Amino acid sequence: MSVVLSLCVIAGPASASSSFRVIDITVRDGVTLKGNVFTPDAPGQYPAIIFITSWALPTLEYYVQAQQFAEAGYVVVSYTPRGFYSSGGGIDTAGPKDIGDLSEVINWTLAHTPTDPAHIGAAGVSYGAGMALIGSAFDSRIRAVAAMSGWTDLTYSLFANQTRHLQSAGLLWLSAELTGQPSAELRQALSDFLANQNLDSVIAYAQVRSAATYLERINANRPAILMANAYGDSFFGPNQLTSFFTRLAGPKRLELRPGDHAIAELTGIFGIPNDAWTSTRRWFDQYLRGVDTGISSENPVQLQLRGQSTYESYPSWSAVSTSTTRYNLSDVYGWSNEGDLLTGSQPGWSKTILAGDDTVASGGVALLTNGVEAITGEPPTAWIPGVNRTKAAVWQSEWFTSPRRVRGAPHLSLTVTPGNSGQTTVIAYLYDSDWGGSGSLVTHVAVTLRGAIAGQPHAVDVDFPATAYDIPSGHRLSLVIDTVDALYADKAPDFSTVRFSSTANSPSYVSLPLR
C-alpha cells in the first residue's frame, strides 16, 4: 500500500489554538494507560500523531511538542506505555502487549477525536521510537513514523559482537525499577543478561522486540519512516539503523548527528528549535498533512559532520563513501613499543599483551561522554603516549599531508589468540592524534570471543560504528587495542594474555571508508 499525499492537504490552515485534556485508555486486558490529548479547536478532521513516551519518562515528556503540533493542525495523543508511572500492567519492553496497546490507542483516537483515519502517524524518542517502528509493521493505519534515538535490532543493541553492553542495560534496569513495574519476563531477561547465562533466551526475547524482525511487514505497509540517531549512541549504535534503512522499501530518511542517546532531541522536548524536531515537523507535514515541505525531494541520508554544524546529504547509504584506504598493521618495535599503520603489505608478526586490566583508552561513560560532544563539538580524548604498552597494543600511521574525510563504518581485521584462558574480549579504538599525542576518539568497537580455546588463533572481522569525521592535515590515525572498558560487562580474564598476529594468509588491517 502506498501513500500519495501531495495532492491531498487535509487540514487547510494551521489552527490558532487547541484544547488539552488528560485521558485514561483501557485496553483489551483491562490495563489502563495514562495519557493526554491535544485537539485543534477549529472544526474539521485532522491528521493525528501518537506520541509514545521514552523509557522511564511520563506523558508530560511531549507536552510542549504536542501543543505545538496541535496548534499547527494535528490531533496529538501522548501516552505512557504499560508498566511505567501510573499506567497499569508490567513493562513489556516493546513486546506484543505494547504493540497491541498502540493499536488500541489508535482505536481510542479515532473514536474520541476528529481524526482522519487515513492520516495517522506514530513518533517517539528512544523507547517510543522503537515501538513506533514495530507498530508500523502490525497496524497499517500508521502512515508515517518519526523514530528518534530508537533501535531496529535490540539484540545488536544489547549484545553487539557478542559483547554485553553493561552500562546501558544497567541504566535501563535501574530506571525501570525506580519508575515502573518490570514484568517477570523483563526481570528474568535482564538478570540472565547481567549474569552471562541463558543468553539464547535473552536473544530470543530481544528479537521479538526488534523492528528488523518485522521488516517484510513494514515494507508491505510502506509507511513513510524518518529515523534520527547519534554516531555515539551508547544504547542503540548506528550500524543497525544503516542496514535497516537500506532495506526499507517505502519513503525513508536517515539522519545521523554527533552525540549520544537522545541528546540531539533533548532541547526540542522543551520547545527549543533543533534539527531533529524540525525534520520531524517537516516529515509529518509532508506525509500526513500533505504540505510540500521539500523533504521528500531531498537526499534521504543526512549526516551532520562531527565537530561542525554543517550537513552532507547522500542519495543512499552506499553513496556515503567513495573509496577505502587499507592500513596494514606492522610488527611492534622500538623504544615506543608500538607498530605502524602502513598502506603496503607487512610480513608476519605477533604482539602479546597482558589482559584483564584497563588503560586510558576508553569509550567513556554512557550518555555523558558522547553527550558532551553534542553540546561542545569536542569528542572524547585520550593521551596516546600514556597508553600502557604492556596492557594494550598501539599502531600509528604516518602524518597526513591532506585531510582524511572518514564517512561510514571503518573495518578491523585481526587475528587474536587467547593465552592462558579461553573466552576473552578485545576493544579497538580509532583516534585522530595530533603532534602532542592527544587523540580524539573517532570510533571504537568491542568484540568478545565466546567459546574460544586458549592457544588457538581466532579471526576477528568487525565493523566499527559508522561516523562522519574529518581527520585534519598534520594529524595521524592511531589504533589502540586493549581488553577492558567500563561500558561493557565482558572483559578479558584477570592475569591472562592475548596475542595479536598477522600472516600473509591472514593479514591484520584497518580499512577507512573515505570521501
Protein backbone atom coordinates (compact mmCIF):
# COMPACT_ATOMS: atom_id res chain seq x y z
CA MET A 1 0.00 0.00 0.00
CA SER A 2 1.43 3.35 -0.96
CA VAL A 3 0.70 6.80 0.38
CA VAL A 4 0.37 9.71 -2.01
CA LEU A 5 -0.31 12.91 -0.10
CA SER A 6 0.99 15.60 -2.42
CA LEU A 7 -2.49 16.00 -3.89
CA CYS A 8 -4.37 15.96 -0.59
CA VAL A 9 -3.99 18.68 2.02
CA ILE A 10 -6.47 17.64 4.67
CA ALA A 11 -6.36 20.34 7.33
CA GLY A 12 -6.06 23.60 5.47
CA PRO A 13 -4.57 26.45 7.51
CA ALA A 14 -2.93 25.82 10.87
CA SER A 15 -5.16 26.04 13.92
CA ALA A 16 -4.60 29.07 16.13
CA SER A 17 -5.43 27.24 19.38
CA SER A 18 -6.05 23.79 20.82
CA SER A 19 -7.70 22.08 23.77
CA PHE A 20 -5.93 19.82 26.26
CA ARG A 21 -7.23 17.06 28.46
CA VAL A 22 -5.89 14.15 30.47
CA ILE A 23 -7.20 10.75 29.40
CA ASP A 24 -7.39 7.12 30.53
CA ILE A 25 -7.39 4.43 27.86
CA THR A 26 -8.40 0.95 28.99
CA VAL A 27 -7.09 -1.78 26.69
CA ARG A 28 -8.21 -5.34 25.98
CA ASP A 29 -6.72 -7.00 29.11
CA GLY A 30 -8.14 -4.38 31.48
CA VAL A 31 -4.90 -2.39 31.80
CA THR A 32 -5.39 1.38 31.90
CA LEU A 33 -2.89 3.58 30.10
CA LYS A 34 -2.42 7.19 31.19
CA GLY A 35 -2.20 9.84 28.53
CA ASN A 36 -3.26 13.23 27.29
CA VAL A 37 -4.67 14.65 24.11
CA PHE A 38 -4.47 17.99 22.31
CA THR A 39 -7.25 18.72 19.83
CA PRO A 40 -7.37 21.71 17.47
CA ASP A 41 -10.29 24.00 18.36
CA ALA A 42 -11.44 24.69 14.79
CA PRO A 43 -14.00 22.22 13.42
CA GLY A 44 -12.98 19.62 10.85
CA GLN A 45 -10.96 16.46 10.52
CA TYR A 46 -7.24 16.44 11.25
CA PRO A 47 -4.23 14.19 10.90
CA ALA A 48 -3.18 12.57 14.18
CA ILE A 49 0.17 11.86 15.80
CA ILE A 50 0.53 9.26 18.53
CA PHE A 51 3.49 10.06 20.79
CA ILE A 52 4.82 7.17 22.88
CA THR A 53 6.91 8.23 25.85
CA SER A 54 10.53 7.26 26.42
CA TRP A 55 11.63 4.56 28.85
CA ALA A 56 11.05 5.81 32.43
CA LEU A 57 9.59 9.16 31.37
CA PRO A 58 5.97 10.28 31.97
CA THR A 59 3.41 11.51 29.46
CA LEU A 60 4.39 15.14 30.04
CA GLU A 61 7.61 14.42 28.09
CA TYR A 62 5.98 15.61 24.87
CA TYR A 63 3.69 18.30 26.31
CA VAL A 64 5.39 21.23 24.56
CA GLN A 65 5.84 19.49 21.22
CA ALA A 66 2.29 18.11 21.33
CA GLN A 67 0.87 21.57 21.90
CA GLN A 68 2.89 23.00 19.02
CA PHE A 69 1.78 20.22 16.66
CA ALA A 70 -1.85 20.69 17.72
CA GLU A 71 -1.66 24.42 17.05
CA ALA A 72 -0.32 23.56 13.59
CA GLY A 73 -3.35 21.40 12.80
CA TYR A 74 -2.87 17.95 14.34
CA VAL A 75 -4.69 15.85 16.87
CA VAL A 76 -1.94 14.71 19.24
CA VAL A 77 -2.31 11.84 21.69
CA SER A 78 0.59 11.11 24.04
CA TYR A 79 0.59 8.12 26.38
CA THR A 80 2.75 6.31 28.90
CA PRO A 81 3.29 2.63 27.98
CA ARG A 82 2.14 -0.08 30.32
CA GLY A 83 4.20 -0.64 33.44
CA PHE A 84 5.54 2.91 33.81
CA TYR A 85 4.31 5.51 36.30
CA SER A 86 0.51 5.36 36.64
CA SER A 87 -0.11 3.17 33.60
CA GLY A 88 -1.16 -0.32 34.65
CA GLY A 89 0.39 -3.70 33.92
CA GLY A 90 4.02 -4.71 33.79
CA ILE A 91 6.74 -3.31 31.50
CA ASP A 92 6.60 -5.28 28.24
CA THR A 93 9.68 -3.71 26.56
CA ALA A 94 8.02 -3.15 23.18
CA GLY A 95 6.65 -6.68 23.20
CA PRO A 96 3.32 -7.95 21.81
CA LYS A 97 1.27 -6.35 24.62
CA ASP A 98 2.85 -2.95 23.98
CA ILE A 99 2.30 -3.16 20.24
CA GLY A 100 -1.31 -4.20 20.80
CA ASP A 101 -1.70 -1.21 23.11
CA LEU A 102 -0.54 1.14 20.36
CA SER A 103 -3.29 -0.13 18.08
CA GLU A 104 -5.86 0.32 20.84
CA VAL A 105 -4.67 3.88 21.41
CA ILE A 106 -5.28 4.47 17.70
CA ASN A 107 -8.77 2.99 18.10
CA TRP A 108 -9.44 5.37 21.01
CA THR A 109 -8.14 8.32 19.00
CA LEU A 110 -10.46 7.57 16.08
CA ALA A 111 -13.44 7.14 18.43
CA HIS A 112 -12.88 10.24 20.58
CA THR A 113 -11.17 12.88 18.41
CA PRO A 114 -11.74 14.43 14.97
CA THR A 115 -9.01 12.31 13.39
CA ASP A 116 -8.88 11.49 9.69
CA PRO A 117 -8.31 7.69 9.71
CA ALA A 118 -6.17 7.86 6.54
CA HIS A 119 -3.58 10.19 8.11
CA ILE A 120 -2.16 8.78 11.33
CA GLY A 121 1.45 8.93 12.44
CA ALA A 122 3.44 7.48 15.34
CA ALA A 123 6.51 9.01 16.92
CA GLY A 124 8.79 8.94 19.92
CA VAL A 125 12.26 9.23 21.33
CA SER A 126 14.15 6.09 22.39
CA TYR A 127 11.57 3.59 23.74
CA GLY A 128 8.78 5.36 21.89
CA ALA A 129 10.80 5.33 18.68
CA GLY A 130 11.30 1.57 18.79
CA MET A 131 7.61 0.96 19.47
CA ALA A 132 6.52 3.30 16.68
CA LEU A 133 8.67 1.37 14.19
CA ILE A 134 7.42 -2.04 15.33
CA GLY A 135 3.86 -0.75 15.46
CA SER A 136 4.05 0.24 11.80
CA ALA A 137 4.55 -3.45 10.98
CA PHE A 138 1.36 -4.52 12.77
CA ASP A 139 -1.01 -1.62 12.14
CA SER A 140 -1.29 -0.42 8.57
CA ARG A 141 -3.16 2.68 9.74
CA ILE A 142 0.21 4.15 10.74
CA ARG A 143 1.19 6.02 7.60
CA ALA A 144 4.22 7.95 8.89
CA VAL A 145 6.80 7.36 11.61
CA ALA A 146 9.38 9.60 13.27
CA ALA A 147 11.79 7.43 15.27
CA MET A 148 14.36 9.48 17.18
CA SER A 149 17.22 7.71 19.01
CA GLY A 150 15.48 4.37 18.52
CA TRP A 151 16.62 0.85 17.80
CA THR A 152 15.88 -1.58 14.99
CA ASP A 153 17.72 -4.62 16.40
CA LEU A 154 17.55 -5.00 20.19
CA THR A 155 19.91 -7.99 20.11
CA TYR A 156 22.58 -5.83 18.47
CA SER A 157 21.90 -3.06 20.97
CA LEU A 158 22.44 -5.29 23.99
CA PHE A 159 24.89 -7.78 22.58
CA ALA A 160 26.77 -6.43 19.56
CA ASN A 161 29.74 -8.59 18.55
CA GLN A 162 28.93 -10.99 21.40
CA THR A 163 29.78 -8.29 23.95
CA ARG A 164 27.28 -7.35 26.64
CA HIS A 165 26.65 -3.61 26.97
CA LEU A 166 26.82 -3.19 30.74
CA GLN A 167 26.13 0.49 31.38
CA SER A 168 23.17 0.78 29.03
CA ALA A 169 21.48 -2.38 30.32
CA GLY A 170 22.16 -1.41 33.92
CA LEU A 171 20.64 2.05 33.44
CA LEU A 172 17.55 0.54 31.82
CA TRP A 173 17.03 -1.84 34.73
CA LEU A 174 17.60 0.78 37.43
CA SER A 175 15.27 3.33 35.84
CA ALA A 176 12.59 0.69 35.29
CA GLU A 177 12.69 -0.31 38.97
CA LEU A 178 12.52 3.33 40.06
CA THR A 179 9.70 4.48 37.79
CA GLY A 180 7.63 1.42 36.99
CA GLN A 181 6.78 -2.21 37.43
CA PRO A 182 9.09 -4.52 35.45
CA SER A 183 7.37 -7.69 34.31
CA ALA A 184 8.70 -11.06 35.47
CA GLU A 185 9.83 -11.68 31.88
CA LEU A 186 11.86 -8.45 31.79
CA ARG A 187 13.45 -9.13 35.17
CA GLN A 188 14.45 -12.62 34.06
CA ALA A 189 15.93 -11.40 30.78
CA LEU A 190 17.99 -8.67 32.45
CA SER A 191 19.09 -10.98 35.27
CA ASP A 192 20.27 -13.59 32.78
CA PHE A 193 21.97 -10.93 30.65
CA LEU A 194 23.96 -9.46 33.53
CA ALA A 195 24.79 -12.92 34.92
CA ASN A 196 26.02 -14.07 31.49
CA GLN A 197 23.65 -17.05 31.46
CA ASN A 198 20.79 -18.32 29.29
CA LEU A 199 21.85 -15.85 26.60
CA ASP A 200 19.91 -17.71 23.91
CA SER A 201 16.72 -16.86 25.81
CA VAL A 202 17.81 -13.22 26.12
CA ILE A 203 18.41 -13.07 22.37
CA ALA A 204 15.00 -14.59 21.66
CA TYR A 205 13.41 -12.02 23.98
CA ALA A 206 15.19 -9.23 22.10
CA GLN A 207 14.37 -10.48 18.61
CA VAL A 208 10.63 -10.33 19.28
CA ARG A 209 11.17 -6.68 20.22
CA SER A 210 13.12 -5.65 17.11
CA ALA A 211 11.70 -3.84 14.08
CA ALA A 212 14.23 -5.68 11.89
CA THR A 213 12.40 -8.92 12.67
CA TYR A 214 9.30 -7.49 11.01
CA LEU A 215 10.90 -5.69 8.08
CA GLU A 216 8.85 -7.54 5.46
CA ARG A 217 5.63 -6.49 7.19
CA ILE A 218 6.81 -2.89 7.41
CA ASN A 219 7.69 -2.90 3.71
CA ALA A 220 4.29 -4.36 2.88
CA ASN A 221 2.59 -1.49 4.74
CA ARG A 222 5.00 1.12 3.30
CA PRO A 223 4.78 3.84 5.95
CA ALA A 224 6.99 6.90 5.50
CA ILE A 225 9.82 6.40 8.01
CA LEU A 226 12.18 9.02 9.41
CA MET A 227 14.98 7.75 11.67
CA ALA A 228 17.36 10.07 13.53
CA ASN A 229 20.21 8.87 15.76
CA ALA A 230 23.67 9.76 17.04
CA TYR A 231 27.04 8.36 15.99
CA GLY A 232 28.00 7.79 19.62
CA ASP A 233 24.69 6.34 20.83
CA SER A 234 25.74 4.11 23.74
CA PHE A 235 22.33 2.36 23.78
CA PHE A 236 21.43 1.93 20.11
CA GLY A 237 24.53 2.09 17.89
CA PRO A 238 24.09 3.50 14.37
CA ASN A 239 25.12 0.45 12.29
CA GLN A 240 21.85 -1.36 12.97
CA LEU A 241 19.99 1.62 11.52
CA THR A 242 22.05 1.90 8.35
CA SER A 243 21.37 -1.74 7.47
CA PHE A 244 17.66 -1.41 8.25
CA PHE A 245 17.38 1.86 6.32
CA THR A 246 18.97 0.33 3.22
CA ARG A 247 16.35 -2.42 3.16
CA LEU A 248 13.32 -0.18 3.71
CA ALA A 249 11.04 -0.05 0.68
CA GLY A 250 8.82 2.97 1.38
CA PRO A 251 9.57 6.70 1.75
CA LYS A 252 12.52 6.97 4.14
CA ARG A 253 15.07 9.33 5.63
CA LEU A 254 18.09 8.70 7.88
CA GLU A 255 19.71 11.48 9.90
CA LEU A 256 22.87 10.94 11.99
CA ARG A 257 24.38 13.55 14.29
CA PRO A 258 27.18 13.84 16.85
CA GLY A 259 26.33 12.94 20.43
CA ASP A 260 24.83 10.14 22.47
CA HIS A 261 21.45 8.63 23.12
CA ALA A 262 18.54 11.12 22.94
CA ILE A 263 20.85 14.12 23.33
CA ALA A 264 20.18 15.58 19.86
CA GLU A 265 16.42 15.66 20.58
CA LEU A 266 16.68 16.96 24.15
CA THR A 267 16.29 20.70 23.61
CA GLY A 268 13.30 20.10 21.34
CA ILE A 269 11.49 18.41 24.22
CA PHE A 270 11.46 21.84 25.88
CA GLY A 271 10.26 23.55 22.72
CA ILE A 272 13.62 24.96 21.68
CA PRO A 273 14.00 24.56 17.91
CA ASN A 274 16.55 21.94 16.90
CA ASP A 275 17.34 19.99 13.76
CA ALA A 276 15.83 16.65 14.83
CA TRP A 277 12.44 18.13 15.72
CA THR A 278 12.45 20.43 12.70
CA SER A 279 12.85 17.37 10.47
CA THR A 280 10.08 15.58 12.38
CA ARG A 281 7.72 18.50 11.80
CA ARG A 282 8.61 18.66 8.09
CA TRP A 283 8.20 14.87 7.78
CA PHE A 284 4.71 14.79 9.26
CA ASP A 285 3.63 17.92 7.38
CA GLN A 286 4.73 16.21 4.16
CA TYR A 287 3.29 12.76 4.73
CA LEU A 288 0.29 13.44 6.99
CA ARG A 289 -0.90 16.98 6.20
CA GLY A 290 0.05 16.83 2.53
CA VAL A 291 2.07 20.05 2.70
CA ASP A 292 5.01 20.14 0.31
CA THR A 293 7.89 20.86 2.70
CA GLY A 294 10.53 19.78 0.17
CA ILE A 295 11.73 16.97 2.40
CA SER A 296 10.57 14.25 0.01
CA SER A 297 12.78 15.62 -2.78
CA GLU A 298 15.92 15.91 -0.66
CA ASN A 299 18.57 13.20 -0.46
CA PRO A 300 17.35 10.72 2.15
CA VAL A 301 20.68 10.37 4.02
CA GLN A 302 21.67 13.42 6.06
CA LEU A 303 24.93 13.39 8.04
CA GLN A 304 25.99 16.18 10.36
CA LEU A 305 29.78 16.28 10.46
CA ARG A 306 31.29 15.78 13.88
CA GLY A 307 32.63 18.99 15.35
CA GLN A 308 30.72 21.02 12.77
CA SER A 309 27.23 22.37 12.24
CA THR A 310 27.22 21.52 8.54
CA TYR A 311 25.46 18.57 6.92
CA GLU A 312 26.24 16.38 3.96
CA SER A 313 23.47 14.63 2.05
CA TYR A 314 23.55 11.44 0.01
CA PRO A 315 21.09 9.51 -2.15
CA SER A 316 21.80 6.24 -0.30
CA TRP A 317 23.94 4.84 2.49
CA SER A 318 26.21 3.11 -0.03
CA ALA A 319 27.00 6.52 -1.56
CA VAL A 320 28.38 7.93 1.70
CA SER A 321 31.93 6.76 0.97
CA THR A 322 33.63 6.76 -2.41
CA SER A 323 36.89 4.94 -1.61
CA THR A 324 38.58 2.81 1.02
CA THR A 325 42.14 3.06 2.27
CA ARG A 326 43.62 -0.02 3.92
CA TYR A 327 46.25 0.32 6.64
CA ASN A 328 48.10 -2.89 7.41
CA LEU A 329 49.31 -3.42 10.98
CA SER A 330 53.09 -3.81 11.23
CA ASP A 331 55.27 -5.50 13.84
CA VAL A 332 55.59 -3.68 17.17
CA TYR A 333 59.13 -2.48 17.80
CA GLY A 334 61.47 0.21 19.17
CA TRP A 335 61.52 2.33 22.28
CA SER A 336 57.88 3.37 21.78
CA ASN A 337 56.77 -0.29 21.76
CA GLU A 338 54.25 0.41 19.00
CA GLY A 339 53.71 -0.51 15.38
CA ASP A 340 52.89 1.32 12.19
CA LEU A 341 49.76 1.57 10.08
CA LEU A 342 51.06 1.23 6.53
CA THR A 343 49.42 1.01 3.12
CA GLY A 344 51.95 -1.60 1.94
CA SER A 345 51.88 -5.31 2.81
CA GLN A 346 53.56 -6.41 6.04
CA PRO A 347 55.42 -9.63 6.89
CA GLY A 348 54.20 -11.96 9.61
CA TRP A 349 54.48 -10.75 13.21
CA SER A 350 52.89 -11.18 16.65
CA LYS A 351 52.42 -9.00 19.72
CA THR A 352 51.36 -10.25 23.18
CA ILE A 353 49.83 -8.02 25.85
CA LEU A 354 48.79 -8.55 29.47
CA ALA A 355 44.99 -8.74 29.52
CA GLY A 356 42.29 -8.08 32.09
CA ASP A 357 43.29 -4.53 33.07
CA ASP A 358 42.14 -1.20 31.65
CA THR A 359 44.12 1.61 30.00
CA VAL A 360 43.49 5.31 29.35
CA ALA A 361 41.86 4.36 26.04
CA SER A 362 38.14 4.38 26.76
CA GLY A 363 34.71 4.57 25.22
CA GLY A 364 33.68 6.79 28.13
CA VAL A 365 30.52 6.85 30.22
CA ALA A 366 27.12 6.06 28.71
CA LEU A 367 25.14 9.22 27.86
CA LEU A 368 27.70 11.60 29.36
CA THR A 369 30.90 11.26 27.32
CA ASN A 370 29.46 11.40 23.83
CA GLY A 371 26.63 13.58 25.08
CA VAL A 372 29.13 16.31 25.86
CA GLU A 373 30.33 16.17 22.24
CA ALA A 374 26.81 17.02 21.04
CA ILE A 375 26.94 20.20 23.12
CA THR A 376 30.58 21.27 22.80
CA GLY A 377 31.58 19.69 19.50
CA GLU A 378 34.61 18.15 21.22
CA PRO A 379 34.96 14.34 21.03
CA PRO A 380 36.27 12.14 23.87
CA THR A 381 40.06 12.23 24.10
CA ALA A 382 42.98 10.16 25.38
CA TRP A 383 46.69 10.91 25.52
CA ILE A 384 48.14 8.20 23.27
CA PRO A 385 51.68 8.23 24.76
CA GLY A 386 50.02 7.49 28.12
CA VAL A 387 48.54 4.18 26.89
CA ASN A 388 50.25 1.37 28.82
CA ARG A 389 52.01 -0.65 26.09
CA THR A 390 52.13 -3.80 28.22
CA LYS A 391 48.33 -3.80 28.55
CA ALA A 392 47.47 -2.56 25.06
CA ALA A 393 48.82 -2.69 21.52
CA VAL A 394 49.25 0.59 19.64
CA TRP A 395 49.73 1.29 15.93
CA GLN A 396 50.04 4.73 14.31
CA SER A 397 50.03 5.96 10.73
CA GLU A 398 52.33 8.48 9.10
CA TRP A 399 51.37 12.15 9.49
CA PHE A 400 48.72 13.02 6.93
CA THR A 401 49.59 15.70 4.38
CA SER A 402 45.92 16.15 3.46
CA PRO A 403 42.66 15.68 5.39
CA ARG A 404 41.08 12.24 5.65
CA ARG A 405 37.30 12.51 5.40
CA VAL A 406 36.05 9.37 7.14
CA ARG A 407 32.49 8.55 6.06
CA GLY A 408 30.82 5.32 7.10
CA ALA A 409 31.94 2.33 9.17
CA PRO A 410 35.68 1.55 9.36
CA HIS A 411 36.59 -2.15 9.42
CA LEU A 412 39.06 -4.14 11.51
CA SER A 413 40.54 -7.48 10.54
CA LEU A 414 42.72 -9.01 13.27
CA THR A 415 43.96 -12.41 14.39
CA VAL A 416 43.50 -12.85 18.15
CA THR A 417 44.88 -15.73 20.22
CA PRO A 418 43.83 -16.03 23.88
CA GLY A 419 46.82 -17.02 26.02
CA ASN A 420 46.12 -18.90 29.22
CA SER A 421 42.32 -18.58 29.08
CA GLY A 422 39.51 -19.22 26.63
CA GLN A 423 36.81 -16.56 26.32
CA THR A 424 38.28 -13.09 26.00
CA THR A 425 37.33 -9.56 24.95
CA VAL A 426 39.21 -7.00 22.89
CA ILE A 427 38.28 -3.34 22.44
CA ALA A 428 39.66 -1.42 19.46
CA TYR A 429 39.77 2.38 19.41
CA LEU A 430 40.50 4.62 16.43
CA TYR A 431 41.91 8.03 17.35
CA ASP A 432 42.71 11.20 15.43
CA SER A 433 46.07 12.15 17.01
CA ASP A 434 47.89 15.47 16.93
CA TRP A 435 51.61 16.29 17.37
CA GLY A 436 51.21 16.48 21.13
CA GLY A 437 49.84 12.95 21.33
CA SER A 438 46.28 13.97 22.16
CA GLY A 439 43.90 11.55 20.48
CA SER A 440 40.28 12.41 19.65
CA LEU A 441 38.12 9.31 19.52
CA VAL A 442 36.84 8.67 16.01
CA THR A 443 35.03 5.41 16.83
CA HIS A 444 35.51 2.23 18.86
CA VAL A 445 34.23 -1.34 18.94
CA ALA A 446 34.26 -4.24 21.40
CA VAL A 447 34.40 -7.92 20.41
CA THR A 448 34.07 -10.95 22.70
CA LEU A 449 35.31 -14.38 21.65
CA ARG A 450 32.90 -16.81 23.27
CA GLY A 451 33.90 -20.46 23.27
CA ALA A 452 37.46 -19.59 22.26
CA ILE A 453 40.20 -22.04 23.19
CA ALA A 454 43.44 -20.91 24.79
CA GLY A 455 46.31 -21.02 22.33
CA GLN A 456 44.14 -21.20 19.23
CA PRO A 457 44.00 -18.18 16.88
CA HIS A 458 40.67 -16.60 16.09
CA ALA A 459 39.95 -14.31 13.15
CA VAL A 460 38.13 -11.09 14.08
CA ASP A 461 36.38 -9.21 11.29
CA VAL A 462 34.24 -6.41 12.61
CA ASP A 463 32.87 -3.03 11.60
CA PHE A 464 33.34 -0.02 13.85
CA PRO A 465 30.23 2.13 14.40
CA ALA A 466 29.66 4.48 11.48
CA THR A 467 30.81 8.07 11.71
CA ALA A 468 31.39 11.25 9.71
CA TYR A 469 34.71 12.64 10.90
CA ASP A 470 37.40 14.75 9.25
CA ILE A 471 40.98 13.98 10.34
CA PRO A 472 42.91 17.21 9.68
CA SER A 473 46.08 17.51 7.69
CA GLY A 474 49.07 17.26 10.03
CA HIS A 475 47.37 14.66 12.23
CA ARG A 476 47.58 10.88 12.08
CA LEU A 477 45.46 7.80 12.76
CA SER A 478 46.10 5.83 15.94
CA LEU A 479 44.75 2.34 16.64
CA VAL A 480 44.71 1.17 20.27
CA ILE A 481 43.55 -2.31 21.26
CA ASP A 482 43.09 -3.33 24.90
CA THR A 483 40.87 -5.78 26.77
CA VAL A 484 38.72 -3.84 29.28
CA ASP A 485 36.23 -0.97 29.02
CA ALA A 486 33.73 0.09 31.67
CA LEU A 487 30.97 0.36 29.04
CA TYR A 488 30.91 -3.42 28.69
CA ALA A 489 30.17 -6.31 31.03
CA ASP A 490 32.62 -8.60 29.21
CA LYS A 491 36.39 -8.30 29.53
CA ALA A 492 39.48 -10.45 29.30
CA PRO A 493 40.05 -12.52 32.47
CA ASP A 494 42.44 -11.13 35.05
CA PHE A 495 46.06 -12.30 34.79
CA SER A 496 45.56 -13.57 31.24
CA THR A 497 47.32 -12.72 27.99
CA VAL A 498 46.19 -12.03 24.44
CA ARG A 499 48.33 -12.27 21.32
CA PHE A 500 47.68 -10.30 18.13
CA SER A 501 49.27 -11.51 14.92
CA SER A 502 49.37 -11.21 11.16
CA THR A 503 50.42 -13.59 8.39
CA ALA A 504 50.49 -13.47 4.61
CA ASN A 505 47.35 -15.63 4.51
CA SER A 506 45.58 -13.77 7.32
CA PRO A 507 46.75 -10.13 7.39
CA SER A 508 45.66 -7.75 10.14
CA TYR A 509 44.50 -4.33 8.97
CA VAL A 510 42.16 -1.38 9.40
CA SER A 511 40.24 -0.03 6.42
CA LEU A 512 38.87 3.51 6.39
CA PRO A 513 35.85 4.45 4.25
CA LEU A 514 36.69 7.84 2.79
CA ARG A 515 35.19 10.56 0.67
